[in-house]
Amino acid sequence: MSELLEDDDLTGALKKCPEWDYEKKAITRTIEFEEFMEAIDFVNDLAEIAEEAQHHPDITIKHTKVFLKLTTADVGGLTELDIALAQRVDNLVD
């Protein structure tokens, strides 16, 4: 199990994923696509990455928008697992 990021480490870690917002012990990001099927294709690609990492985001799809939330429930906040997956998501989007 990963350890909870403390305040100093958390500040540095959040700089690695500037597209994400920190809120209530989690990071969130909204990604908008032009077509619904693009959003679905993205989620399918993300599912493979998440399964490989054995760390799964909360995903909500609303037409062309995909809302993501990352946190490590076992420790009640953010860990390196969340930051690493956020960076992989960013790479997938770019």
PDB file of N, CA and C in Angstrom:
ATOM      1  N   MET A   1       0.848  -1.176   0.000  1.00  0.00           N
ATOM      2  CA  MET A   1       0.000   0.000   0.000  1.00  0.00           C
ATOM      3  C   MET A   1       0.894   1.240   0.000  1.00  0.00           C
ATOM      4  N   SER A   2       0.503   2.250  -0.752  1.00  0.00           N
ATOM      5  CA  SER A   2       1.235   3.512  -0.798  1.00  0.00           C
ATOM      6  C   SER A   2       0.947   4.344   0.437  1.00  0.00           C
ATOM      7  N   GLU A   3       1.905   5.212   0.732  1.00  0.00           N
ATOM      8  CA  GLU A   3       1.743   6.090   1.894  1.00  0.00           C
ATOM      9  C   GLU A   3       1.135   7.418   1.485  1.00  0.00           C
ATOM     10  N   LEU A   4       0.368   7.983   2.385  1.00  0.00           N
ATOM     11  CA  LEU A   4      -0.254   9.285   2.191  1.00  0.00           C
ATOM     12  C   LEU A   4       0.827  10.340   1.984  1.00  0.00           C
ATOM     13  N   LEU A   5       0.649  11.207   0.990  1.00  0.00           N
ATOM     14  CA  LEU A   5       1.597  12.296   0.763  1.00  0.00           C
ATOM     15  C   LEU A   5       1.384  13.370   1.826  1.00  0.00           C
ATOM     16  N   GLU A   6       2.450  13.747   2.489  1.00  0.00           N
ATOM     17  CA  GLU A   6       2.394  14.821   3.480  1.00  0.00           C
ATOM     18  C   GLU A   6       2.406  16.163   2.754  1.00  0.00           C
ATOM     19  N   ASP A   7       2.126  17.251   3.465  1.00  0.00           N
ATOM     20  CA  ASP A   7       1.950  18.567   2.853  1.00  0.00           C
ATOM     21  C   ASP A   7       3.109  18.980   1.941  1.00  0.00           C
ATOM     22  N   ASP A   8       4.358  18.845   2.403  1.00  0.00           N
ATOM     23  CA  ASP A   8       5.504  19.262   1.590  1.00  0.00           C
ATOM     24  C   ASP A   8       5.608  18.420   0.326  1.00  0.00           C
ATOM     25  N   ASP A   9       5.456  17.115   0.461  1.00  0.00           N
ATOM     26  CA  ASP A   9       5.523  16.220  -0.693  1.00  0.00           C
ATOM     27  C   ASP A   9       4.330  16.436  -1.623  1.00  0.00           C
ATOM     28  N   LEU A  10       3.190  16.725  -1.048  1.00  0.00           N
ATOM     29  CA  LEU A  10       1.979  16.947  -1.827  1.00  0.00           C
ATOM     30  C   LEU A  10       2.130  18.175  -2.727  1.00  0.00           C
ATOM     31  N   THR A  11       2.673  19.243  -2.192  1.00  0.00           N
ATOM     32  CA  THR A  11       2.878  20.466  -2.977  1.00  0.00           C
ATOM     33  C   THR A  11       3.756  20.184  -4.189  1.00  0.00           C
ATOM     34  N   GLY A  12       4.840  19.484  -3.987  1.00  0.00           N
ATOM     35  CA  GLY A  12       5.736  19.143  -5.093  1.00  0.00           C
ATOM     36  C   GLY A  12       5.078  18.198  -6.087  1.00  0.00           C
ATOM     37  N   ALA A  13       4.336  17.237  -5.580  1.00  0.00           N
ATOM     38  CA  ALA A  13       3.678  16.261  -6.444  1.00  0.00           C
ATOM     39  C   ALA A  13       2.623  16.918  -7.325  1.00  0.00           C
ATOM     40  N   LEU A  14       1.882  17.865  -6.774  1.00  0.00           N
ATOM     41  CA  LEU A  14       0.829  18.528  -7.546  1.00  0.00           C
ATOM     42  C   LEU A  14       1.400  19.352  -8.696  1.00  0.00           C
ATOM     43  N   LYS A  15       2.635  19.788  -8.571  1.00  0.00           N
ATOM     44  CA  LYS A  15       3.285  20.527  -9.659  1.00  0.00           C
ATOM     45  C   LYS A  15       3.533  19.627 -10.864  1.00  0.00           C
ATOM     46  N   LYS A  16       3.574  18.324 -10.646  1.00  0.00           N
ATOM     47  CA  LYS A  16       3.798  17.372 -11.734  1.00  0.00           C
ATOM     48  C   LYS A  16       2.548  17.177 -12.590  1.00  0.00           C
ATOM     49  N   CYS A  17       1.410  17.597 -12.085  1.00  0.00           N
ATOM     50  CA  CYS A  17       0.155  17.421 -12.841  1.00  0.00           C
ATOM     51  C   CYS A  17      -0.692  18.698 -12.754  1.00  0.00           C
ATOM     52  N   PRO A  18      -0.231  19.745 -13.453  1.00  0.00           N
ATOM     53  CA  PRO A  18      -0.887  21.056 -13.346  1.00  0.00           C
ATOM     54  C   PRO A  18      -2.302  21.111 -13.932  1.00  0.00           C
ATOM     55  N   GLU A  19      -2.683  20.143 -14.735  1.00  0.00           N
ATOM     56  CA  GLU A  19      -4.027  20.126 -15.322  1.00  0.00           C
ATOM     57  C   GLU A  19      -5.083  19.637 -14.325  1.00  0.00           C
ATOM     58  N   TRP A  20      -4.638  19.176 -13.174  1.00  0.00           N
ATOM     59  CA  TRP A  20      -5.531  18.597 -12.175  1.00  0.00           C
ATOM     60  C   TRP A  20      -5.791  19.603 -11.064  1.00  0.00           C
ATOM     61  N   ASP A  21      -6.987  19.532 -10.482  1.00  0.00           N
ATOM     62  CA  ASP A  21      -7.366  20.383  -9.357  1.00  0.00           C
ATOM     63  C   ASP A  21      -7.382  19.538  -8.087  1.00  0.00           C
ATOM     64  N   TYR A  22      -6.849  20.121  -7.012  1.00  0.00           N
ATOM     65  CA  TYR A  22      -6.838  19.443  -5.722  1.00  0.00           C
ATOM     66  C   TYR A  22      -8.074  19.868  -4.941  1.00  0.00           C
ATOM     67  N   GLU A  23      -8.838  18.887  -4.485  1.00  0.00           N
ATOM     68  CA  GLU A  23     -10.009  19.202  -3.678  1.00  0.00           C
ATOM     69  C   GLU A  23     -10.372  18.024  -2.785  1.00  0.00           C
ATOM     70  N   LYS A  24     -10.486  18.289  -1.524  1.00  0.00           N
ATOM     71  CA  LYS A  24     -10.946  17.302  -0.544  1.00  0.00           C
ATOM     72  C   LYS A  24     -10.220  15.965  -0.635  1.00  0.00           C
ATOM     73  N   LYS A  25      -8.901  15.991  -0.512  1.00  0.00           N
ATOM     74  CA  LYS A  25      -8.071  14.783  -0.469  1.00  0.00           C
ATOM     75  C   LYS A  25      -8.088  13.985  -1.769  1.00  0.00           C
ATOM     76  N   ALA A  26      -8.361  14.666  -2.877  1.00  0.00           N
ATOM     77  CA  ALA A  26      -8.386  14.017  -4.188  1.00  0.00           C
ATOM     78  C   ALA A  26      -7.934  15.022  -5.241  1.00  0.00           C
ATOM     79  N   ILE A  27      -7.607  14.522  -6.423  1.00  0.00           N
ATOM     80  CA  ILE A  27      -7.369  15.403  -7.558  1.00  0.00           C
ATOM     81  C   ILE A  27      -8.392  15.072  -8.628  1.00  0.00           C
ATOM     82  N   THR A  28      -8.835  16.111  -9.333  1.00  0.00           N
ATOM     83  CA  THR A  28      -9.858  15.940 -10.356  1.00  0.00           C
ATOM     84  C   THR A  28      -9.430  16.616 -11.647  1.00  0.00           C
ATOM     85  N   ARG A  29      -9.956  16.099 -12.731  1.00  0.00           N
ATOM     86  CA  ARG A  29      -9.713  16.710 -14.033  1.00  0.00           C
ATOM     87  C   ARG A  29     -10.915  16.428 -14.926  1.00  0.00           C
ATOM     88  N   THR A  30     -11.290  17.423 -15.705  1.00  0.00           N
ATOM     89  CA  THR A  30     -12.341  17.275 -16.704  1.00  0.00           C
ATOM     90  C   THR A  30     -11.699  17.388 -18.078  1.00  0.00           C
ATOM     91  N   ILE A  31     -12.015  16.438 -18.932  1.00  0.00           N
ATOM     92  CA  ILE A  31     -11.482  16.427 -20.293  1.00  0.00           C
ATOM     93  C   ILE A  31     -12.675  16.427 -21.235  1.00  0.00           C
ATOM     94  N   GLU A  32     -12.660  17.366 -22.176  1.00  0.00           N
ATOM     95  CA  GLU A  32     -13.771  17.464 -23.127  1.00  0.00           C
ATOM     96  C   GLU A  32     -13.308  17.046 -24.516  1.00  0.00           C
ATOM     97  N   PHE A  33     -14.151  16.289 -25.178  1.00  0.00           N
ATOM     98  CA  PHE A  33     -13.884  15.793 -26.516  1.00  0.00           C
ATOM     99  C   PHE A  33     -14.916  16.367 -27.477  1.00  0.00           C
ATOM    100  N   GLU A  34     -14.654  16.265 -28.753  1.00  0.00           N
ATOM    101  CA  GLU A  34     -15.590  16.793 -29.744  1.00  0.00           C
ATOM    102  C   GLU A  34     -16.777  15.856 -29.961  1.00  0.00           C
ATOM    103  N   GLU A  35     -16.536  14.563 -29.834  1.00  0.00           N
ATOM    104  CA  GLU A  35     -17.583  13.570 -30.094  1.00  0.00           C
ATOM    105  C   GLU A  35     -17.688  12.607 -28.907  1.00  0.00           C
ATOM    106  N   PHE A  36     -18.889  12.084 -28.710  1.00  0.00           N
ATOM    107  CA  PHE A  36     -19.126  11.116 -27.641  1.00  0.00           C
ATOM    108  C   PHE A  36     -18.207   9.907 -27.765  1.00  0.00           C
ATOM    109  N   MET A  37     -18.060   9.368 -28.969  1.00  0.00           N
ATOM    110  CA  MET A  37     -17.246   8.173 -29.148  1.00  0.00           C
ATOM    111  C   MET A  37     -15.765   8.428 -28.851  1.00  0.00           C
ATOM    112  N   GLU A  38     -15.297   9.651 -29.020  1.00  0.00           N
ATOM    113  CA  GLU A  38     -13.922   9.986 -28.631  1.00  0.00           C
ATOM    114  C   GLU A  38     -13.770   9.863 -27.118  1.00  0.00           C
ATOM    115  N   ALA A  39     -14.780  10.312 -26.396  1.00  0.00           N
ATOM    116  CA  ALA A  39     -14.758  10.193 -24.932  1.00  0.00           C
ATOM    117  C   ALA A  39     -14.743   8.726 -24.519  1.00  0.00           C
ATOM    118  N   ILE A  40     -15.544   7.919 -25.183  1.00  0.00           N
ATOM    119  CA  ILE A  40     -15.603   6.485 -24.867  1.00  0.00           C
ATOM    120  C   ILE A  40     -14.276   5.811 -25.188  1.00  0.00           C
ATOM    121  N   ASP A  41     -13.686   6.139 -26.339  1.00  0.00           N
ATOM    122  CA  ASP A  41     -12.387   5.571 -26.695  1.00  0.00           C
ATOM    123  C   ASP A  41     -11.326   5.944 -25.669  1.00  0.00           C
ATOM    124  N   PHE A  42     -11.359   7.190 -25.198  1.00  0.00           N
ATOM    125  CA  PHE A  42     -10.421   7.635 -24.166  1.00  0.00           C
ATOM    126  C   PHE A  42     -10.599   6.815 -22.890  1.00  0.00           C
ATOM    127  N   VAL A  43     -11.839   6.630 -22.469  1.00  0.00           N
ATOM    128  CA  VAL A  43     -12.115   5.871 -21.244  1.00  0.00           C
ATOM    129  C   VAL A  43     -11.646   4.425 -21.395  1.00  0.00           C
ATOM    130  N   ASN A  44     -11.837   3.849 -22.551  1.00  0.00           N
ATOM    131  CA  ASN A  44     -11.352   2.479 -22.776  1.00  0.00           C
ATOM    132  C   ASN A  44      -9.831   2.406 -22.680  1.00  0.00           C
ATOM    133  N   ASP A  45      -9.138   3.383 -23.266  1.00  0.00           N
ATOM    134  CA  ASP A  45      -7.677   3.426 -23.159  1.00  0.00           C
ATOM    135  C   ASP A  45      -7.246   3.641 -21.707  1.00  0.00           C
ATOM    136  N   LEU A  46      -7.948   4.518 -21.015  1.00  0.00           N
ATOM    137  CA  LEU A  46      -7.651   4.784 -19.606  1.00  0.00           C
ATOM    138  C   LEU A  46      -7.875   3.534 -18.761  1.00  0.00           C
ATOM    139  N   ALA A  47      -8.901   2.783 -19.069  1.00  0.00           N
ATOM    140  CA  ALA A  47      -9.189   1.559 -18.310  1.00  0.00           C
ATOM    141  C   ALA A  47      -8.026   0.580 -18.383  1.00  0.00           C
ATOM    142  N   GLU A  48      -7.407   0.468 -19.544  1.00  0.00           N
ATOM    143  CA  GLU A  48      -6.252  -0.415 -19.682  1.00  0.00           C
ATOM    144  C   GLU A  48      -5.082   0.060 -18.828  1.00  0.00           C
ATOM    145  N   ILE A  49      -4.826   1.364 -18.835  1.00  0.00           N
ATOM    146  CA  ILE A  49      -3.739   1.928 -18.035  1.00  0.00           C
ATOM    147  C   ILE A  49      -4.018   1.727 -16.548  1.00  0.00           C
ATOM    148  N   ALA A  50      -5.244   2.004 -16.136  1.00  0.00           N
ATOM    149  CA  ALA A  50      -5.616   1.873 -14.725  1.00  0.00           C
ATOM    150  C   ALA A  50      -5.506   0.422 -14.261  1.00  0.00           C
ATOM    151  N   GLU A  51      -5.929  -0.493 -15.100  1.00  0.00           N
ATOM    152  CA  GLU A  51      -5.857  -1.908 -14.741  1.00  0.00           C
ATOM    153  C   GLU A  51      -4.407  -2.353 -14.605  1.00  0.00           C
ATOM    154  N   GLU A  52      -3.572  -1.897 -15.527  1.00  0.00           N
ATOM    155  CA  GLU A  52      -2.142  -2.208 -15.460  1.00  0.00           C
ATOM    156  C   GLU A  52      -1.514  -1.668 -14.177  1.00  0.00           C
ATOM    157  N   ALA A  53      -1.928  -0.474 -13.778  1.00  0.00           N
ATOM    158  CA  ALA A  53      -1.399   0.163 -12.564  1.00  0.00           C
ATOM    159  C   ALA A  53      -2.057  -0.386 -11.298  1.00  0.00           C
ATOM    160  N   GLN A  54      -3.163  -1.120 -11.452  1.00  0.00           N
ATOM    161  CA  GLN A  54      -3.953  -1.602 -10.315  1.00  0.00           C
ATOM    162  C   GLN A  54      -4.377  -0.435  -9.409  1.00  0.00           C
ATOM    163  N   HIS A  55      -4.736   0.662 -10.082  1.00  0.00           N
ATOM    164  CA  HIS A  55      -5.220   1.857  -9.377  1.00  0.00           C
ATOM    165  C   HIS A  55      -6.280   2.476 -10.277  1.00  0.00           C
ATOM    166  N   HIS A  56      -7.490   2.614  -9.765  1.00  0.00           N
ATOM    167  CA  HIS A  56      -8.631   2.934 -10.617  1.00  0.00           C
ATOM    168  C   HIS A  56      -9.274   4.266 -10.225  1.00  0.00           C
ATOM    169  N   PRO A  57      -9.407   5.163 -11.202  1.00  0.00           N
ATOM    170  CA  PRO A  57     -10.051   6.448 -10.929  1.00  0.00           C
ATOM    171  C   PRO A  57     -11.567   6.316 -10.903  1.00  0.00           C
ATOM    172  N   ASP A  58     -12.214   7.291 -10.286  1.00  0.00           N
ATOM    173  CA  ASP A  58     -13.656   7.438 -10.448  1.00  0.00           C
ATOM    174  C   ASP A  58     -13.841   8.135 -11.788  1.00  0.00           C
ATOM    175  N   ILE A  59     -14.720   7.611 -12.611  1.00  0.00           N
ATOM    176  CA  ILE A  59     -14.939   8.144 -13.950  1.00  0.00           C
ATOM    177  C   ILE A  59     -16.427   8.423 -14.134  1.00  0.00           C
ATOM    178  N   THR A  60     -16.729   9.643 -14.588  1.00  0.00           N
ATOM    179  CA  THR A  60     -18.091   9.999 -14.946  1.00  0.00           C
ATOM    180  C   THR A  60     -18.057  10.528 -16.376  1.00  0.00           C
ATOM    181  N   ILE A  61     -18.961  10.028 -17.201  1.00  0.00           N
ATOM    182  CA  ILE A  61     -19.038  10.475 -18.591  1.00  0.00           C
ATOM    183  C   ILE A  61     -20.373  11.189 -18.784  1.00  0.00           C
ATOM    184  N   LYS A  62     -20.295  12.402 -19.286  1.00  0.00           N
ATOM    185  CA  LYS A  62     -21.500  13.166 -19.633  1.00  0.00           C
ATOM    186  C   LYS A  62     -21.324  13.673 -21.050  1.00  0.00           C
ATOM    187  N   HIS A  63     -21.861  12.917 -21.963  1.00  0.00           N
ATOM    188  CA  HIS A  63     -21.787  13.175 -23.398  1.00  0.00           C
ATOM    189  C   HIS A  63     -20.344  13.291 -23.857  1.00  0.00           C
ATOM    190  N   THR A  64     -19.814  14.490 -24.049  1.00  0.00           N
ATOM    191  CA  THR A  64     -18.441  14.630 -24.551  1.00  0.00           C
ATOM    192  C   THR A  64     -17.446  14.984 -23.451  1.00  0.00           C
ATOM    193  N   LYS A  65     -17.898  15.016 -22.204  1.00  0.00           N
ATOM    194  CA  LYS A  65     -17.014  15.355 -21.086  1.00  0.00           C
ATOM    195  C   LYS A  65     -16.754  14.123 -20.229  1.00  0.00           C
ATOM    196  N   VAL A  66     -15.488  13.961 -19.856  1.00  0.00           N
ATOM    197  CA  VAL A  66     -15.093  12.882 -18.958  1.00  0.00           C
ATOM    198  C   VAL A  66     -14.547  13.527 -17.688  1.00  0.00           C
ATOM    199  N   PHE A  67     -15.154  13.205 -16.571  1.00  0.00           N
ATOM    200  CA  PHE A  67     -14.737  13.720 -15.270  1.00  0.00           C
ATOM    201  C   PHE A  67     -13.975  12.621 -14.541  1.00  0.00           C
ATOM    202  N   LEU A  68     -12.760  12.948 -14.105  1.00  0.00           N
ATOM    203  CA  LEU A  68     -11.918  11.972 -13.410  1.00  0.00           C
ATOM    204  C   LEU A  68     -11.626  12.439 -11.997  1.00  0.00           C
ATOM    205  N   LYS A  69     -11.571  11.489 -11.089  1.00  0.00           N
ATOM    206  CA  LYS A  69     -11.205  11.775  -9.696  1.00  0.00           C
ATOM    207  C   LYS A  69     -10.257  10.686  -9.237  1.00  0.00           C
ATOM    208  N   LEU A  70      -9.125  11.117  -8.690  1.00  0.00           N
ATOM    209  CA  LEU A  70      -8.133  10.180  -8.167  1.00  0.00           C
ATOM    210  C   LEU A  70      -7.907  10.420  -6.686  1.00  0.00           C
ATOM    211  N   THR A  71      -7.922   9.344  -5.928  1.00  0.00           N
ATOM    212  CA  THR A  71      -7.567   9.350  -4.521  1.00  0.00           C
ATOM    213  C   THR A  71      -7.273   7.901  -4.138  1.00  0.00           C
ATOM    214  N   THR A  72      -6.569   7.718  -3.050  1.00  0.00           N
ATOM    215  CA  THR A  72      -6.305   6.364  -2.566  1.00  0.00           C
ATOM    216  C   THR A  72      -7.142   6.176  -1.304  1.00  0.00           C
ATOM    217  N   ALA A  73      -8.263   5.508  -1.463  1.00  0.00           N
ATOM    218  CA  ALA A  73      -9.227   5.367  -0.370  1.00  0.00           C
ATOM    219  C   ALA A  73      -8.638   4.666   0.846  1.00  0.00           C
ATOM    220  N   ASP A  74      -7.734   3.706   0.631  1.00  0.00           N
ATOM    221  CA  ASP A  74      -7.164   2.948   1.746  1.00  0.00           C
ATOM    222  C   ASP A  74      -6.436   3.822   2.758  1.00  0.00           C
ATOM    223  N   VAL A  75      -5.866   4.953   2.283  1.00  0.00           N
ATOM    224  CA  VAL A  75      -5.129   5.832   3.201  1.00  0.00           C
ATOM    225  C   VAL A  75      -5.831   7.171   3.405  1.00  0.00           C
ATOM    226  N   GLY A  76      -6.936   7.372   2.708  1.00  0.00           N
ATOM    227  CA  GLY A  76      -7.729   8.580   2.908  1.00  0.00           C
ATOM    228  C   GLY A  76      -7.158   9.838   2.293  1.00  0.00           C
ATOM    229  N   GLY A  77      -6.515   9.706   1.140  1.00  0.00           N
ATOM    230  CA  GLY A  77      -5.980  10.897   0.480  1.00  0.00           C
ATOM    231  C   GLY A  77      -5.093  10.528  -0.688  1.00  0.00           C
ATOM    232  N   LEU A  78      -4.219  11.460  -1.035  1.00  0.00           N
ATOM    233  CA  LEU A  78      -3.367  11.281  -2.210  1.00  0.00           C
ATOM    234  C   LEU A  78      -2.067  10.565  -1.890  1.00  0.00           C
ATOM    235  N   THR A  79      -1.675   9.701  -2.834  1.00  0.00           N
ATOM    236  CA  THR A  79      -0.410   8.985  -2.738  1.00  0.00           C
ATOM    237  C   THR A  79       0.316   9.132  -4.079  1.00  0.00           C
ATOM    238  N   GLU A  80       1.508   8.578  -4.142  1.00  0.00           N
ATOM    239  CA  GLU A  80       2.268   8.580  -5.395  1.00  0.00           C
ATOM    240  C   GLU A  80       1.516   7.822  -6.493  1.00  0.00           C
ATOM    241  N   LEU A  81       0.707   6.840  -6.119  1.00  0.00           N
ATOM    242  CA  LEU A  81      -0.102   6.126  -7.114  1.00  0.00           C
ATOM    243  C   LEU A  81      -1.016   7.082  -7.875  1.00  0.00           C
ATOM    244  N   ASP A  82      -1.625   8.014  -7.152  1.00  0.00           N
ATOM    245  CA  ASP A  82      -2.532   8.976  -7.782  1.00  0.00           C
ATOM    246  C   ASP A  82      -1.772   9.909  -8.719  1.00  0.00           C
ATOM    247  N   ILE A  83      -0.630  10.395  -8.263  1.00  0.00           N
ATOM    248  CA  ILE A  83       0.168  11.318  -9.075  1.00  0.00           C
ATOM    249  C   ILE A  83       0.676  10.613 -10.328  1.00  0.00           C
ATOM    250  N   ALA A  84       1.162   9.397 -10.177  1.00  0.00           N
ATOM    251  CA  ALA A  84       1.677   8.645 -11.326  1.00  0.00           C
ATOM    252  C   ALA A  84       0.564   8.380 -12.342  1.00  0.00           C
ATOM    253  N   LEU A  85      -0.631   8.024 -11.877  1.00  0.00           N
ATOM    254  CA  LEU A  85      -1.727   7.769 -12.801  1.00  0.00           C
ATOM    255  C   LEU A  85      -2.181   9.071 -13.463  1.00  0.00           C
ATOM    256  N   ALA A  86      -2.194  10.155 -12.727  1.00  0.00           N
ATOM    257  CA  ALA A  86      -2.550  11.454 -13.310  1.00  0.00           C
ATOM    258  C   ALA A  86      -1.584  11.819 -14.432  1.00  0.00           C
ATOM    259  N   GLN A  87      -0.308  11.565 -14.239  1.00  0.00           N
ATOM    260  CA  GLN A  87       0.671  11.860 -15.264  1.00  0.00           C
ATOM    261  C   GLN A  87       0.461  10.975 -16.499  1.00  0.00           C
ATOM    262  N   ARG A  88       0.093   9.743 -16.284  1.00  0.00           N
ATOM    263  CA  ARG A  88      -0.179   8.835 -17.414  1.00  0.00           C
ATOM    264  C   ARG A  88      -1.427   9.278 -18.161  1.00  0.00           C
ATOM    265  N   VAL A  89      -2.423   9.767 -17.436  1.00  0.00           N
ATOM    266  CA  VAL A  89      -3.628  10.310 -18.078  1.00  0.00           C
ATOM    267  C   VAL A  89      -3.245  11.516 -18.926  1.00  0.00           C
ATOM    268  N   ASP A  90      -2.435  12.401 -18.362  1.00  0.00           N
ATOM    269  CA  ASP A  90      -1.999  13.588 -19.103  1.00  0.00           C
ATOM    270  C   ASP A  90      -1.286  13.195 -20.392  1.00  0.00           C
ATOM    271  N   ASN A  91      -0.446  12.189 -20.341  1.00  0.00           N
ATOM    272  CA  ASN A  91       0.246  11.709 -21.527  1.00  0.00           C
ATOM    273  C   ASN A  91      -0.731  11.134 -22.548  1.00  0.00           C
ATOM    274  N   LEU A  92      -1.758  10.480 -22.067  1.00  0.00           N
ATOM    275  CA  LEU A  92      -2.766   9.899 -22.950  1.00  0.00           C
ATOM    276  C   LEU A  92      -3.557  10.999 -23.666  1.00  0.00           C
ATOM    277  N   VAL A  93      -3.847  12.065 -22.956  1.00  0.00           N
ATOM    278  CA  VAL A  93      -4.632  13.167 -23.523  1.00  0.00           C
ATOM    279  C   VAL A  93      -3.808  13.963 -24.536  1.00  0.00           C
ATOM    280  N   ASP A  94      -2.537  14.174 -24.227  1.00  0.00           N
ATOM    281  CA  ASP A  94      -1.680  15.018 -25.087  1.00  0.00           C
ATOM    282  C   ASP A  94      -1.243  14.360 -26.349  1.00  0.00           C
TER     283      ASP A  94
END
